Amino acid sequence: MTSVDTWVAAATARAELRAEAGTINTGVYTANHLADDVIFSEIVQPSGNETFDNGVQVILAVQENAYAIPANPAGAEFRQAWQDAVNRVLNGEQSAEEALAQAQEEAQAALDAAWSQQ
């Protein structure tokens, strides 16, 4: 499921389904740079709808800096730990190193508690 050929095949199938339905094809975003290059240079074509076409370009422009937080059994606590760390740094309460060390401890404690309940 991670090969360029597989992603291109999926994007091609999606483009065909969109064409049959008469809907806009915004592409398949893969996190595989080689696949995305093929998909967005050869398969996805401008739709003529400025909003959708601009949206595709924005997504492509921000992909380099995008990230995702993987699902985990303490997701809310994990997210809160790193958001609190950022806020402590922005408010001048801690250095980045201190805030991240505290966030690491908080997140790990939440994960340990969640796993012990399973």
N, C-alpha and C. Protein backbone atom coordinates (compact mmCIF):
# COMPACT_ATOMS: atom_id res chain seq x y z
N MET A 1 0.81 -1.20 0.00
CA MET A 1 0.00 0.00 0.00
C MET A 1 0.85 1.26 0.00
N THR A 2 2.14 1.15 0.09
CA THR A 2 2.98 2.34 0.12
C THR A 2 3.74 2.59 -1.17
N SER A 3 3.64 1.71 -2.12
CA SER A 3 4.39 1.89 -3.36
C SER A 3 3.77 2.98 -4.23
N VAL A 4 4.61 3.62 -5.01
CA VAL A 4 4.14 4.66 -5.92
C VAL A 4 3.08 4.10 -6.86
N ASP A 5 3.33 2.92 -7.43
CA ASP A 5 2.38 2.32 -8.37
C ASP A 5 1.02 2.09 -7.74
N THR A 6 1.00 1.66 -6.48
CA THR A 6 -0.27 1.42 -5.80
C THR A 6 -1.03 2.72 -5.60
N TRP A 7 -0.33 3.77 -5.15
CA TRP A 7 -0.98 5.05 -4.95
C TRP A 7 -1.50 5.62 -6.28
N VAL A 8 -0.71 5.49 -7.33
CA VAL A 8 -1.14 6.00 -8.64
C VAL A 8 -2.36 5.22 -9.13
N ALA A 9 -2.37 3.92 -8.92
CA ALA A 9 -3.54 3.11 -9.31
C ALA A 9 -4.78 3.56 -8.54
N ALA A 10 -4.63 3.82 -7.25
CA ALA A 10 -5.76 4.28 -6.44
C ALA A 10 -6.24 5.65 -6.92
N ALA A 11 -5.31 6.54 -7.22
CA ALA A 11 -5.67 7.87 -7.68
C ALA A 11 -6.35 7.82 -9.05
N THR A 12 -5.88 6.93 -9.90
CA THR A 12 -6.49 6.75 -11.22
C THR A 12 -7.92 6.23 -11.08
N ALA A 13 -8.12 5.24 -10.23
CA ALA A 13 -9.46 4.69 -10.01
C ALA A 13 -10.38 5.76 -9.44
N ARG A 14 -9.88 6.55 -8.52
CA ARG A 14 -10.70 7.62 -7.94
C ARG A 14 -11.05 8.65 -9.00
N ALA A 15 -10.10 9.01 -9.84
CA ALA A 15 -10.36 9.99 -10.90
C ALA A 15 -11.43 9.47 -11.86
N GLU A 16 -11.36 8.18 -12.18
CA GLU A 16 -12.37 7.59 -13.06
C GLU A 16 -13.75 7.61 -12.42
N LEU A 17 -13.83 7.29 -11.13
CA LEU A 17 -15.12 7.33 -10.42
C LEU A 17 -15.67 8.75 -10.38
N ARG A 18 -14.81 9.71 -10.13
CA ARG A 18 -15.25 11.11 -10.09
C ARG A 18 -15.75 11.56 -11.47
N ALA A 19 -15.05 11.14 -12.52
CA ALA A 19 -15.47 11.51 -13.88
C ALA A 19 -16.83 10.90 -14.21
N GLU A 20 -17.02 9.64 -13.84
CA GLU A 20 -18.30 8.97 -14.09
C GLU A 20 -19.44 9.65 -13.34
N ALA A 21 -19.16 10.11 -12.14
CA ALA A 21 -20.19 10.76 -11.32
C ALA A 21 -20.35 12.24 -11.66
N GLY A 22 -19.44 12.77 -12.47
CA GLY A 22 -19.50 14.19 -12.83
C GLY A 22 -19.12 15.10 -11.68
N THR A 23 -18.26 14.60 -10.77
CA THR A 23 -17.84 15.40 -9.63
C THR A 23 -16.37 15.78 -9.76
N ILE A 24 -15.93 16.67 -8.89
CA ILE A 24 -14.57 17.19 -8.94
C ILE A 24 -13.60 16.20 -8.33
N ASN A 25 -12.48 16.00 -9.01
CA ASN A 25 -11.42 15.13 -8.50
C ASN A 25 -10.33 16.01 -7.89
N THR A 26 -10.21 15.94 -6.56
CA THR A 26 -9.18 16.71 -5.88
C THR A 26 -7.94 15.89 -5.61
N GLY A 27 -7.93 14.64 -6.02
CA GLY A 27 -6.75 13.81 -5.90
C GLY A 27 -6.71 12.99 -4.63
N VAL A 28 -5.66 12.20 -4.53
CA VAL A 28 -5.41 11.35 -3.37
C VAL A 28 -4.10 11.84 -2.77
N TYR A 29 -4.15 12.32 -1.53
CA TYR A 29 -2.96 12.82 -0.85
C TYR A 29 -2.33 11.67 -0.08
N THR A 30 -1.07 11.37 -0.36
CA THR A 30 -0.50 10.09 0.06
C THR A 30 0.61 10.18 1.10
N ALA A 31 1.25 11.31 1.25
CA ALA A 31 2.46 11.45 2.07
C ALA A 31 3.65 10.73 1.42
N ASN A 32 3.49 10.32 0.19
CA ASN A 32 4.57 9.72 -0.60
C ASN A 32 4.88 10.74 -1.70
N HIS A 33 6.00 11.45 -1.56
CA HIS A 33 6.29 12.55 -2.48
C HIS A 33 6.35 12.12 -3.95
N LEU A 34 6.92 10.97 -4.22
CA LEU A 34 7.00 10.50 -5.61
C LEU A 34 5.61 10.23 -6.17
N ALA A 35 4.76 9.59 -5.37
CA ALA A 35 3.40 9.31 -5.83
C ALA A 35 2.63 10.61 -6.02
N ASP A 36 2.76 11.53 -5.07
CA ASP A 36 2.04 12.80 -5.19
C ASP A 36 2.48 13.57 -6.42
N ASP A 37 3.77 13.51 -6.75
CA ASP A 37 4.25 14.19 -7.96
C ASP A 37 3.53 13.67 -9.20
N VAL A 38 3.39 12.35 -9.30
CA VAL A 38 2.71 11.75 -10.45
C VAL A 38 1.22 12.10 -10.41
N ILE A 39 0.61 11.92 -9.26
CA ILE A 39 -0.84 12.14 -9.14
C ILE A 39 -1.20 13.57 -9.51
N PHE A 40 -0.44 14.54 -8.98
CA PHE A 40 -0.84 15.93 -9.18
C PHE A 40 -0.24 16.57 -10.43
N SER A 41 0.61 15.85 -11.15
CA SER A 41 1.08 16.37 -12.43
C SER A 41 0.43 15.65 -13.60
N GLU A 42 -0.04 14.41 -13.39
CA GLU A 42 -0.58 13.63 -14.51
C GLU A 42 -2.06 13.26 -14.37
N ILE A 43 -2.56 13.11 -13.16
CA ILE A 43 -3.93 12.61 -12.99
C ILE A 43 -4.92 13.72 -12.63
N VAL A 44 -4.58 14.52 -11.66
CA VAL A 44 -5.48 15.59 -11.23
C VAL A 44 -5.32 16.76 -12.19
N GLN A 45 -6.44 17.17 -12.75
CA GLN A 45 -6.46 18.29 -13.68
C GLN A 45 -7.31 19.41 -13.08
N PRO A 46 -7.05 20.66 -13.45
CA PRO A 46 -7.90 21.74 -12.95
C PRO A 46 -9.37 21.45 -13.27
N SER A 47 -10.22 21.72 -12.31
CA SER A 47 -11.64 21.41 -12.46
C SER A 47 -12.43 22.56 -13.08
N GLY A 48 -11.85 23.75 -13.04
CA GLY A 48 -12.59 24.92 -13.47
C GLY A 48 -13.32 25.59 -12.32
N ASN A 49 -13.35 24.92 -11.16
CA ASN A 49 -13.94 25.50 -9.96
C ASN A 49 -12.79 26.12 -9.17
N GLU A 50 -12.73 27.44 -9.15
CA GLU A 50 -11.60 28.14 -8.56
C GLU A 50 -11.39 27.76 -7.09
N THR A 51 -12.46 27.58 -6.33
CA THR A 51 -12.33 27.25 -4.92
C THR A 51 -11.65 25.90 -4.73
N PHE A 52 -12.11 24.89 -5.45
CA PHE A 52 -11.50 23.56 -5.34
C PHE A 52 -10.08 23.55 -5.88
N ASP A 53 -9.87 24.20 -7.01
CA ASP A 53 -8.53 24.22 -7.60
C ASP A 53 -7.53 24.93 -6.68
N ASN A 54 -7.95 26.03 -6.07
CA ASN A 54 -7.07 26.72 -5.11
C ASN A 54 -6.84 25.84 -3.88
N GLY A 55 -7.87 25.14 -3.44
CA GLY A 55 -7.74 24.25 -2.28
C GLY A 55 -6.71 23.17 -2.52
N VAL A 56 -6.72 22.59 -3.70
CA VAL A 56 -5.72 21.56 -4.05
C VAL A 56 -4.32 22.15 -3.96
N GLN A 57 -4.14 23.35 -4.49
CA GLN A 57 -2.82 23.98 -4.47
C GLN A 57 -2.37 24.31 -3.05
N VAL A 58 -3.29 24.73 -2.20
CA VAL A 58 -2.94 25.03 -0.80
C VAL A 58 -2.49 23.76 -0.10
N ILE A 59 -3.24 22.68 -0.26
CA ILE A 59 -2.86 21.41 0.38
C ILE A 59 -1.46 20.98 -0.09
N LEU A 60 -1.21 21.08 -1.36
CA LEU A 60 0.11 20.69 -1.88
C LEU A 60 1.21 21.59 -1.31
N ALA A 61 0.92 22.87 -1.13
CA ALA A 61 1.92 23.80 -0.62
C ALA A 61 2.25 23.55 0.85
N VAL A 62 1.30 23.08 1.64
CA VAL A 62 1.55 22.90 3.07
C VAL A 62 1.99 21.48 3.43
N GLN A 63 1.95 20.56 2.49
CA GLN A 63 2.30 19.17 2.79
C GLN A 63 3.70 19.03 3.37
N GLU A 64 4.62 19.84 2.92
CA GLU A 64 6.01 19.75 3.39
C GLU A 64 6.11 19.93 4.91
N ASN A 65 5.21 20.73 5.46
CA ASN A 65 5.26 21.04 6.89
C ASN A 65 4.14 20.38 7.69
N ALA A 66 3.35 19.56 7.06
CA ALA A 66 2.23 18.93 7.74
C ALA A 66 2.68 17.76 8.59
N TYR A 67 1.90 17.45 9.59
CA TYR A 67 2.16 16.28 10.43
C TYR A 67 0.84 15.77 10.97
N ALA A 68 0.85 14.58 11.44
CA ALA A 68 -0.34 13.99 12.05
C ALA A 68 0.06 13.35 13.36
N ILE A 69 -0.86 13.39 14.27
CA ILE A 69 -0.63 12.73 15.55
C ILE A 69 -1.34 11.39 15.47
N PRO A 70 -0.60 10.30 15.62
CA PRO A 70 -1.22 8.99 15.50
C PRO A 70 -2.22 8.74 16.63
N ALA A 71 -3.22 7.96 16.33
CA ALA A 71 -4.21 7.60 17.34
C ALA A 71 -3.54 6.81 18.45
N ASN A 72 -3.96 7.08 19.66
CA ASN A 72 -3.46 6.31 20.79
C ASN A 72 -4.53 6.33 21.88
N PRO A 73 -4.44 5.44 22.84
CA PRO A 73 -5.51 5.34 23.84
C PRO A 73 -5.59 6.52 24.80
N ALA A 74 -4.62 7.41 24.75
CA ALA A 74 -4.64 8.60 25.60
C ALA A 74 -4.51 9.84 24.72
N GLY A 75 -5.20 9.83 23.60
CA GLY A 75 -5.06 10.89 22.60
C GLY A 75 -5.31 12.28 23.13
N ALA A 76 -6.39 12.46 23.87
CA ALA A 76 -6.73 13.80 24.37
C ALA A 76 -5.67 14.29 25.35
N GLU A 77 -5.22 13.41 26.24
CA GLU A 77 -4.21 13.79 27.21
C GLU A 77 -2.86 14.08 26.53
N PHE A 78 -2.55 13.29 25.52
CA PHE A 78 -1.32 13.49 24.76
C PHE A 78 -1.33 14.87 24.10
N ARG A 79 -2.43 15.18 23.42
CA ARG A 79 -2.56 16.47 22.74
C ARG A 79 -2.48 17.61 23.76
N GLN A 80 -3.15 17.46 24.88
CA GLN A 80 -3.15 18.52 25.89
C GLN A 80 -1.75 18.75 26.44
N ALA A 81 -0.97 17.68 26.62
CA ALA A 81 0.38 17.82 27.15
C ALA A 81 1.25 18.67 26.23
N TRP A 82 1.19 18.42 24.92
CA TRP A 82 2.05 19.22 24.05
C TRP A 82 1.51 20.63 23.84
N GLN A 83 0.18 20.80 23.86
CA GLN A 83 -0.37 22.16 23.74
C GLN A 83 -0.02 22.99 24.98
N ASP A 84 -0.10 22.36 26.15
CA ASP A 84 0.28 23.07 27.38
C ASP A 84 1.75 23.44 27.36
N ALA A 85 2.59 22.55 26.82
CA ALA A 85 4.02 22.84 26.71
C ALA A 85 4.26 24.06 25.83
N VAL A 86 3.60 24.11 24.70
CA VAL A 86 3.74 25.26 23.80
C VAL A 86 3.32 26.54 24.52
N ASN A 87 2.20 26.48 25.22
CA ASN A 87 1.71 27.67 25.92
C ASN A 87 2.66 28.11 27.03
N ARG A 88 3.26 27.16 27.75
CA ARG A 88 4.21 27.54 28.80
C ARG A 88 5.43 28.26 28.21
N VAL A 89 5.86 27.81 27.04
CA VAL A 89 7.00 28.48 26.38
C VAL A 89 6.58 29.86 25.89
N LEU A 90 5.43 29.94 25.24
CA LEU A 90 4.97 31.23 24.71
C LEU A 90 4.71 32.25 25.81
N ASN A 91 4.29 31.76 26.98
CA ASN A 91 4.03 32.66 28.11
C ASN A 91 5.28 32.97 28.92
N GLY A 92 6.43 32.41 28.51
CA GLY A 92 7.68 32.67 29.20
C GLY A 92 7.81 31.94 30.53
N GLU A 93 6.98 30.93 30.76
CA GLU A 93 7.01 30.20 32.03
C GLU A 93 8.13 29.16 32.07
N GLN A 94 8.49 28.62 30.91
CA GLN A 94 9.53 27.59 30.84
C GLN A 94 10.28 27.75 29.53
N SER A 95 11.49 27.19 29.53
CA SER A 95 12.22 27.09 28.26
C SER A 95 11.57 25.98 27.44
N ALA A 96 11.88 25.95 26.18
CA ALA A 96 11.33 24.89 25.33
C ALA A 96 11.77 23.52 25.83
N GLU A 97 13.03 23.41 26.23
CA GLU A 97 13.53 22.13 26.73
C GLU A 97 12.78 21.68 27.98
N GLU A 98 12.56 22.61 28.91
CA GLU A 98 11.83 22.26 30.14
C GLU A 98 10.38 21.88 29.84
N ALA A 99 9.75 22.66 28.99
CA ALA A 99 8.34 22.41 28.68
C ALA A 99 8.16 21.07 27.98
N LEU A 100 9.06 20.75 27.06
CA LEU A 100 8.96 19.47 26.36
C LEU A 100 9.26 18.30 27.27
N ALA A 101 10.19 18.48 28.19
CA ALA A 101 10.47 17.40 29.15
C ALA A 101 9.26 17.14 30.03
N GLN A 102 8.60 18.20 30.47
CA GLN A 102 7.39 18.03 31.28
C GLN A 102 6.28 17.38 30.46
N ALA A 103 6.12 17.83 29.22
CA ALA A 103 5.10 17.26 28.34
C ALA A 103 5.36 15.78 28.10
N GLN A 104 6.62 15.41 27.94
CA GLN A 104 6.97 14.01 27.75
C GLN A 104 6.53 13.19 28.95
N GLU A 105 6.81 13.69 30.14
CA GLU A 105 6.42 12.98 31.37
C GLU A 105 4.90 12.85 31.47
N GLU A 106 4.19 13.94 31.19
CA GLU A 106 2.73 13.92 31.28
C GLU A 106 2.12 12.97 30.26
N ALA A 107 2.61 13.04 29.04
CA ALA A 107 2.08 12.18 27.98
C ALA A 107 2.38 10.71 28.28
N GLN A 108 3.59 10.44 28.73
CA GLN A 108 3.94 9.05 29.03
C GLN A 108 3.09 8.51 30.18
N ALA A 109 2.85 9.33 31.20
CA ALA A 109 2.00 8.90 32.32
C ALA A 109 0.58 8.60 31.83
N ALA A 110 0.06 9.43 30.95
CA ALA A 110 -1.29 9.19 30.41
C ALA A 110 -1.33 7.91 29.59
N LEU A 111 -0.30 7.69 28.77
CA LEU A 111 -0.24 6.46 27.99
C LEU A 111 -0.13 5.23 28.89
N ASP A 112 0.73 5.32 29.90
CA ASP A 112 0.89 4.19 30.82
C ASP A 112 -0.43 3.87 31.52
N ALA A 113 -1.15 4.91 31.94
CA ALA A 113 -2.44 4.70 32.62
C ALA A 113 -3.46 4.07 31.67
N ALA A 114 -3.50 4.56 30.44
CA ALA A 114 -4.46 4.03 29.46
C ALA A 114 -4.16 2.56 29.15
N TRP A 115 -2.89 2.23 28.97
CA TRP A 115 -2.52 0.85 28.64
C TRP A 115 -2.77 -0.10 29.80
N SER A 116 -2.61 0.41 31.04
CA SER A 116 -2.84 -0.47 32.19
C SER A 116 -4.32 -0.79 32.37
N GLN A 117 -5.19 0.00 31.78
CA GLN A 117 -6.63 -0.23 31.88
C GLN A 117 -7.14 -1.21 30.84
N GLN A 118 -6.32 -1.55 29.88
CA GLN A 118 -6.77 -2.44 28.80
C GLN A 118 -6.59 -3.88 29.16
